Protein backbone atom coordinates (compact mmCIF):
# COMPACT_ATOMS: atom_id res chain seq x y z
CA UNK A 1 -39.22 71.54 32.14
CA UNK A 2 -40.85 68.69 30.18
CA UNK A 3 -38.99 67.26 27.16
CA UNK A 4 -40.26 68.03 23.72
CA UNK A 5 -42.42 64.98 22.73
CA UNK A 6 -41.79 65.71 19.07
CA UNK A 7 -38.11 64.68 19.53
CA UNK A 8 -39.09 61.03 20.38
CA UNK A 9 -39.87 59.15 17.19
CA UNK A 10 -41.28 55.62 16.89
CA UNK A 11 -40.51 53.50 13.77
CA UNK A 12 -43.08 51.09 12.41
CA UNK A 13 -42.19 47.80 10.69
CA UNK A 14 -43.43 48.22 7.11
CA UNK A 15 -44.33 44.53 6.88
CA UNK A 16 -46.21 43.71 10.10
CA UNK A 17 -46.98 47.22 11.43
CA UNK A 18 -45.48 46.56 14.85
CA UNK A 19 -43.06 48.97 16.48
CA UNK A 20 -39.53 48.65 15.22
CA UNK A 21 -36.28 50.40 16.09
CA UNK A 22 -35.61 50.97 12.41
CA UNK A 23 -36.98 49.37 9.25
CA UNK A 24 -38.09 45.75 9.48
CA UNK A 25 -38.53 44.29 12.94
CA UNK A 26 -36.27 41.32 13.89
CA UNK A 27 -39.00 38.73 13.21
CA UNK A 28 -39.77 40.07 9.74
CA UNK A 29 -36.07 40.51 8.99
CA UNK A 30 -35.51 36.89 10.00
CA UNK A 31 -38.41 35.77 7.81
CA UNK A 32 -36.78 37.39 4.78
CA UNK A 33 -33.32 35.96 5.51
CA UNK A 34 -32.08 32.79 3.84
CA UNK A 35 -30.38 30.79 6.57
CA UNK A 36 -29.55 27.75 4.44
CA UNK A 37 -28.61 27.84 0.77
CA UNK A 38 -28.79 24.48 -1.00
CA UNK A 39 -28.33 23.34 -4.59
CA UNK A 40 -31.23 21.54 -6.19
CA UNK A 41 -29.10 18.57 -7.15
CA UNK A 42 -25.68 17.09 -6.30
CA UNK A 43 -24.06 14.69 -8.75
CA UNK A 44 -21.33 12.26 -7.72
CA UNK A 45 -19.15 10.24 -10.11
CA UNK A 46 -18.01 6.87 -8.73
CA UNK A 47 -15.88 4.23 -10.44
CA UNK A 48 -18.04 1.17 -10.99
CA UNK A 49 -15.06 -1.15 -10.47
CA UNK A 50 -12.85 0.18 -7.67
CA UNK A 51 -15.16 2.75 -6.02
CA UNK A 52 -12.88 5.76 -6.52
CA UNK A 53 -14.58 9.16 -6.69
CA UNK A 54 -14.04 11.85 -9.28
CA UNK A 55 -13.43 15.13 -7.41
CA UNK A 56 -12.67 18.32 -9.34
CA UNK A 57 -11.47 16.34 -12.33
CA UNK A 58 -9.24 13.96 -10.36
CA UNK A 59 -9.93 10.41 -9.25
CA UNK A 60 -9.44 9.87 -5.53
CA UNK A 61 -9.27 6.71 -3.43
CA UNK A 62 -12.34 6.25 -1.24
CA UNK A 63 -12.30 4.02 1.83
CA UNK A 64 -15.50 5.07 3.57
CA UNK A 65 -19.08 3.75 3.22
CA UNK A 66 -21.13 5.19 0.36
CA UNK A 67 -23.63 6.82 2.75
CA UNK A 68 -20.82 8.69 4.48
CA UNK A 69 -19.50 9.75 1.08
CA UNK A 70 -22.93 11.11 0.15
CA UNK A 71 -23.19 12.88 3.51
CA UNK A 72 -19.88 14.66 2.93
CA UNK A 73 -20.86 15.68 -0.61
CA UNK A 74 -24.18 17.10 0.63
CA UNK A 75 -22.62 18.82 3.63
CA UNK A 76 -20.01 20.43 1.40
CA UNK A 77 -22.64 21.73 -1.03
CA UNK A 78 -24.75 23.75 1.44
CA UNK A 79 -24.08 27.23 2.74
CA UNK A 80 -25.07 28.66 6.16
CA UNK A 81 -25.74 32.37 6.77
CA UNK A 82 -22.59 34.01 8.09
CA UNK A 83 -24.44 35.63 11.04
CA UNK A 84 -26.08 32.42 12.28
CA UNK A 85 -24.57 31.66 15.67
CA UNK A 86 -24.16 28.16 17.20
CA UNK A 87 -25.34 26.58 13.97
CA UNK A 88 -26.25 22.89 14.21
CA UNK A 89 -26.64 21.10 10.87
CA UNK A 90 -28.37 17.76 10.46
CA UNK A 91 -28.41 15.67 7.28
CA UNK A 92 -30.63 12.62 6.74
CA UNK A 93 -30.30 10.50 3.61
CA UNK A 94 -32.81 8.10 2.07
CA UNK A 95 -32.36 5.97 -1.03
CA UNK A 96 -34.90 6.48 -3.80
CA UNK A 97 -33.41 4.24 -6.49
CA UNK A 98 -30.24 2.40 -7.48
CA UNK A 99 -28.44 5.66 -8.26
CA UNK A 100 -30.72 8.27 -6.67
CA UNK A 101 -30.86 9.52 -3.07
CA UNK A 102 -32.73 12.26 -1.27
CA UNK A 103 -30.96 14.32 1.37
CA UNK A 104 -32.92 16.40 3.90
CA UNK A 105 -30.82 19.13 5.46
CA UNK A 106 -31.85 21.20 8.48
CA UNK A 107 -30.09 23.90 10.47
CA UNK A 108 -30.76 25.50 13.84
CA UNK A 109 -29.08 28.41 15.60
CA UNK A 110 -29.47 32.02 16.73
CA UNK A 111 -29.55 35.19 14.66
CA UNK A 112 -30.62 38.75 15.57
CA UNK A 113 -31.09 37.46 19.10
CA UNK A 114 -33.78 35.00 18.01
CA UNK A 115 -33.93 31.21 17.68
CA UNK A 116 -33.92 30.35 13.99
CA UNK A 117 -34.09 27.26 11.79
CA UNK A 118 -34.18 26.34 8.14
CA UNK A 119 -34.33 23.25 5.96
CA UNK A 120 -34.06 22.08 2.39
CA UNK A 121 -34.01 18.94 0.23
CA UNK A 122 -31.27 17.97 -2.20
CA UNK A 123 -31.45 15.28 -4.85
CA UNK A 124 -28.25 13.23 -5.02
CA UNK A 125 -27.48 11.31 -8.19
CA UNK A 126 -24.69 8.77 -8.64
CA UNK A 127 -23.06 8.31 -12.01
CA UNK A 128 -20.97 5.17 -12.28
CA UNK A 129 -18.21 4.93 -14.86
CA UNK A 130 -14.75 3.41 -15.18
CA UNK A 131 -11.91 5.48 -13.75
CA UNK A 132 -8.69 6.09 -15.68
CA UNK A 133 -6.87 3.34 -13.78
CA UNK A 134 -9.52 0.66 -14.23
CA UNK A 135 -9.91 1.60 -17.92
CA UNK A 136 -6.20 1.08 -18.51
CA UNK A 137 -6.21 -2.18 -16.58
CA UNK A 138 -9.15 -3.43 -18.64
CA UNK A 139 -7.35 -2.38 -21.81
CA UNK A 140 -4.22 -4.37 -20.85
CA UNK A 141 -2.18 -1.17 -20.64
CA UNK A 142 1.41 -1.46 -19.40
CA UNK A 143 4.66 0.49 -19.53
CA UNK A 144 7.18 -1.97 -18.11
CA UNK A 145 8.04 -5.65 -17.85
CA UNK A 146 10.22 -6.90 -15.00
CA UNK A 147 11.89 -10.20 -15.89
CA UNK A 148 13.10 -12.39 -13.04
CA UNK A 149 15.70 -14.89 -14.19
CA UNK A 150 18.43 -17.05 -12.71
CA UNK A 151 22.04 -17.21 -13.85
CA UNK A 152 22.86 -20.89 -14.35
CA UNK A 153 19.62 -21.91 -12.65
CA UNK A 154 15.94 -21.06 -12.53
CA UNK A 155 14.53 -19.01 -9.64
CA UNK A 156 13.26 -21.11 -6.76
CA UNK A 157 9.59 -21.09 -5.83
CA UNK A 158 10.52 -19.22 -2.66
CA UNK A 159 12.32 -16.53 -4.67
CA UNK A 160 9.37 -16.23 -7.03
CA UNK A 161 6.93 -15.92 -4.12
CA UNK A 162 9.16 -13.30 -2.49
CA UNK A 163 9.28 -11.34 -5.74
CA UNK A 164 5.52 -11.51 -6.31
CA UNK A 165 4.67 -10.46 -2.75
CA UNK A 166 7.14 -7.58 -2.88
CA UNK A 167 5.74 -6.41 -6.24
CA UNK A 168 2.12 -6.44 -5.03
CA UNK A 169 2.96 -4.63 -1.78
CA UNK A 170 4.98 -1.98 -3.60
CA UNK A 171 2.23 -1.49 -6.20
CA UNK A 172 -0.37 -0.97 -3.46
CA UNK A 173 1.89 1.43 -1.59
CA UNK A 174 2.64 3.53 -4.68
CA UNK A 175 -1.04 3.55 -5.68
CA UNK A 176 -1.93 5.04 -2.31
CA UNK A 177 0.84 7.59 -2.77
CA UNK A 178 -0.83 8.82 -5.95
CA UNK A 179 0.56 6.77 -8.84
CA UNK A 180 -2.63 5.89 -10.72
CA UNK A 181 -0.71 3.48 -12.96
CA UNK A 182 0.80 1.54 -10.05
CA UNK A 183 -0.77 -1.83 -10.77
CA UNK A 184 0.36 -5.34 -11.70
CA UNK A 185 -1.22 -6.14 -15.03
CA UNK A 186 -0.03 -9.74 -15.12
CA UNK A 187 2.52 -12.13 -13.62
CA UNK A 188 3.22 -14.97 -16.00
CA UNK A 189 5.61 -17.91 -15.71
CA UNK A 190 8.13 -18.13 -18.53
CA UNK A 191 10.98 -20.41 -19.37
CA UNK A 192 13.65 -19.77 -16.75
CA UNK A 193 11.61 -17.50 -14.47
CA UNK A 194 8.63 -15.11 -14.42
CA UNK A 195 7.62 -11.87 -16.13
CA UNK A 196 5.83 -9.15 -14.17
CA UNK A 197 3.88 -6.80 -16.44
CA UNK A 198 3.25 -3.50 -14.63
CA UNK A 199 1.33 -0.32 -15.34
CA UNK A 200 3.99 2.35 -14.95
CA UNK A 201 7.68 2.46 -15.79
CA UNK A 202 8.29 4.11 -12.42
CA UNK A 203 6.76 1.13 -10.61
CA UNK A 204 8.74 -1.27 -12.81
CA UNK A 205 12.02 0.35 -11.82
CA UNK A 206 11.04 0.37 -8.15
CA UNK A 207 10.15 -3.34 -8.21
CA UNK A 208 13.39 -4.23 -10.00
CA UNK A 209 15.44 -2.19 -7.53
CA UNK A 210 13.72 -3.83 -4.56
CA UNK A 211 14.30 -7.34 -5.95
CA UNK A 212 17.93 -6.47 -6.60
CA UNK A 213 18.34 -5.33 -3.00
CA UNK A 214 16.71 -8.39 -1.45
CA UNK A 215 17.65 -11.19 -3.85
CA UNK A 216 20.94 -9.89 -5.24
CA UNK A 217 22.19 -10.29 -8.79
CA UNK A 218 22.30 -7.51 -11.35
CA UNK A 219 19.98 -5.32 -13.42
CA UNK A 220 19.78 -4.54 -17.10
CA UNK A 221 17.25 -2.17 -18.64
CA UNK A 222 16.23 -1.75 -22.26
CA UNK A 223 13.50 0.32 -23.92
CA UNK A 224 11.37 0.12 -27.05
CA UNK A 225 9.53 2.88 -28.88
CA UNK A 226 5.85 1.95 -29.14
CA UNK A 227 4.19 5.16 -30.35
CA UNK A 228 3.60 8.86 -29.76
CA UNK A 229 1.20 10.87 -27.60
CA UNK A 230 0.81 14.65 -27.63
CA UNK A 231 3.93 14.91 -29.73
CA UNK A 232 6.05 12.84 -27.34
CA UNK A 233 7.61 9.45 -27.95
CA UNK A 234 6.15 6.65 -25.84
CA UNK A 235 8.49 3.90 -24.68
CA UNK A 236 8.04 0.58 -22.94
CA UNK A 237 10.89 -0.66 -20.82
CA UNK A 238 12.07 -4.16 -19.97
CA UNK A 239 14.16 -4.67 -16.85
CA UNK A 240 16.00 -7.93 -16.39
CA UNK A 241 16.73 -8.96 -12.80
CA UNK A 242 19.38 -11.65 -13.10
CA UNK A 243 19.63 -13.57 -9.83
CA UNK A 244 23.00 -14.66 -8.46
CA UNK A 245 24.16 -18.25 -8.47
CA UNK A 246 23.87 -18.60 -4.68
CA UNK A 247 20.51 -19.16 -3.05
CA UNK A 248 19.32 -18.71 0.50
CA UNK A 249 20.32 -21.80 2.48
CA UNK A 250 23.37 -22.69 0.37
CA UNK A 251 26.30 -23.96 2.47
CA UNK A 252 29.59 -22.71 1.06
CA UNK A 253 33.27 -22.70 1.89
CA UNK A 254 34.73 -19.20 1.71
CA UNK A 255 37.72 -17.51 3.33
CA UNK A 256 38.51 -20.74 5.14
CA UNK A 257 35.12 -20.90 6.84
CA UNK A 258 31.91 -22.88 6.46
CA UNK A 259 29.08 -20.40 5.97
CA UNK A 260 25.39 -20.40 5.14
CA UNK A 261 23.96 -17.96 2.63
CA UNK A 262 21.27 -15.86 4.33
CA UNK A 263 20.38 -13.08 1.91
CA UNK A 264 21.69 -10.27 -0.26
CA UNK A 265 21.87 -6.61 0.64
CA UNK A 266 22.41 -4.68 -2.59
CA UNK A 267 25.92 -5.72 -3.69
CA UNK A 268 26.78 -7.74 -0.58
CA UNK A 269 26.08 -11.32 0.42
CA UNK A 270 25.13 -11.78 4.07
CA UNK A 271 26.55 -15.06 5.36
CA UNK A 272 26.45 -16.81 8.73
CA UNK A 273 29.42 -18.76 10.09
CA UNK A 274 28.15 -22.24 11.00
CA UNK A 275 30.69 -22.70 13.80
CA UNK A 276 30.42 -19.43 15.70
CA UNK A 277 27.21 -17.81 14.36
CA UNK A 278 29.01 -14.66 13.24
CA UNK A 279 27.59 -12.56 10.43
CA UNK A 280 29.85 -11.77 7.47
CA UNK A 281 29.25 -9.26 4.67
CA UNK A 282 31.11 -10.30 1.56
CA UNK A 283 31.02 -8.71 -1.91
CA UNK A 284 28.48 -10.50 -4.06
CA UNK A 285 31.06 -11.15 -6.79
CA UNK A 286 33.30 -13.01 -4.35
CA UNK A 287 30.48 -15.02 -2.80
CA UNK A 288 29.03 -15.92 -6.18
CA UNK A 289 32.11 -17.94 -7.19
CA UNK A 290 32.35 -19.87 -3.90
CA UNK A 291 31.91 -23.61 -4.00
CA UNK A 292 28.51 -24.84 -2.82
CA UNK A 293 28.97 -27.85 -0.52
CA UNK A 294 25.35 -28.53 0.42
CA UNK A 295 21.95 -26.89 0.84
CA UNK A 296 19.95 -26.48 4.02
CA UNK A 297 16.99 -28.21 2.44
CA UNK A 298 18.95 -31.49 2.50
CA UNK A 299 19.50 -31.33 6.28
CA UNK A 300 18.28 -34.25 8.38
CA UNK A 301 17.24 -34.61 11.99
CA UNK A 302 19.63 -36.14 14.52
CA UNK A 303 20.03 -36.52 18.29
CA UNK A 304 22.80 -35.30 20.60
CA UNK A 305 24.36 -38.24 22.43
CA UNK A 306 27.07 -36.34 24.30
CA UNK A 307 28.62 -32.88 24.22
CA UNK A 308 31.70 -31.06 25.49
CA UNK A 309 33.11 -27.59 24.85
CA UNK A 310 34.49 -28.29 21.38
CA UNK A 311 32.60 -31.29 19.97
CA UNK A 312 29.36 -33.20 20.09
CA UNK A 313 28.52 -36.83 19.56
CA UNK A 314 25.48 -37.36 17.37
CA UNK A 315 23.69 -40.23 15.67
CA UNK A 316 24.29 -40.55 11.94
CA UNK A 317 20.71 -40.02 10.52
CA UNK A 318 21.25 -42.84 8.04
CA UNK A 319 23.37 -45.48 9.82
CA UNK A 320 22.41 -44.47 13.38
CA UNK A 321 26.08 -44.88 14.34
CA UNK A 322 27.59 -42.43 16.81
CA UNK A 323 29.81 -39.86 15.07
CA UNK A 324 31.69 -36.76 16.18
CA UNK A 325 30.93 -33.27 14.84
CA UNK A 326 32.29 -29.81 15.73
CA UNK A 327 30.22 -28.03 18.34
CA UNK A 328 28.83 -24.64 17.21
CA UNK A 329 29.71 -22.03 19.82
CA UNK A 330 26.47 -20.10 19.40
CA UNK A 331 24.05 -23.01 19.97
CA UNK A 332 23.18 -24.31 23.44
CA UNK A 333 23.22 -28.11 23.31
CA UNK A 334 22.75 -30.95 25.75
CA UNK A 335 22.35 -34.73 25.43
CA UNK A 336 18.93 -35.70 24.15
CA UNK A 337 18.41 -32.52 22.08
CA UNK A 338 17.29 -32.91 18.47
CA UNK A 339 19.25 -30.93 15.88
CA UNK A 340 19.41 -30.47 12.11
CA UNK A 341 22.64 -31.80 10.64
CA UNK A 342 24.08 -31.78 7.17
CA UNK A 343 26.78 -33.97 5.70
CA UNK A 344 29.87 -32.15 4.43
CA UNK A 345 32.35 -34.60 2.89
CA UNK A 346 32.95 -37.37 5.41
CA UNK A 347 31.62 -35.46 8.42
CA UNK A 348 28.61 -33.54 9.70
CA UNK A 349 27.90 -29.92 10.55
CA UNK A 350 25.13 -28.78 12.91
CA UNK A 351 22.73 -26.10 11.76
CA UNK A 352 21.21 -23.53 14.05
């Protein structure tokens, strides 16, 4: 028995007239499908000073070339049809002016079992303006002043350099962590030390704390009302970092030992015994009242003439006469070696 031919129906594509399973044929359906949706224009806001980019109302640090930045902005603005398989997107960028670029975007893939492609052009415009951070820096904005001072002395150049380097490194680190006001507005010498003018009170406190940990001394903070914003009082703070009397390289007599001041660790002085090399951690208050006998900077070069287990014979750097000095247990010495020596009273001490 032959099948009823009337039960087999053939659909015709209403657009091209070719046979189709149902409705539009795949080619005509593909022709009416938008594979790539693109905006007509993409605008980017870049800080003219530091190069930060404004993204969704927030300034962000940018450390990639401008062309890569444009590529990412263009790539993020286009949409690809959800059914396009194995999509390959290509973006080419050409500059058309100082602040204008043209991006050509193309896509290739498979959809409805057919090879498919699409393309579009996007105008990219750059708008350069000052970011919030650079605007405040240009306006001399600050929230804190860190004052570095000595006690009965002025800070040494080494202490000042240490403080400045620490402040700049901390400011850079906090800036990358998101503190937009983490900047050093100014470092200015003053009578008895230096003042570090910084953007945020948070950074000021961090710098002061770090200097206190590494250089010792004590802290004192005060604040001053300078205005109001959004109904809130605005204060500026001043933090005094008062350095201790002892400095790195001071030779002191304490607890019956000759020791060299190495550094401070919060409220402790770290000292090195000059005769056995041992490290000693002594409360800063105790170390600060010790008698300073000499400073490492005054050491002079000498030569070992002879050595035994407990003493060495050296040449007096001034008279060139042979003199006896205690032998440090932690330093390997032999005749002919050159060493740094320092005069303590009527004798000499060798420095490691």
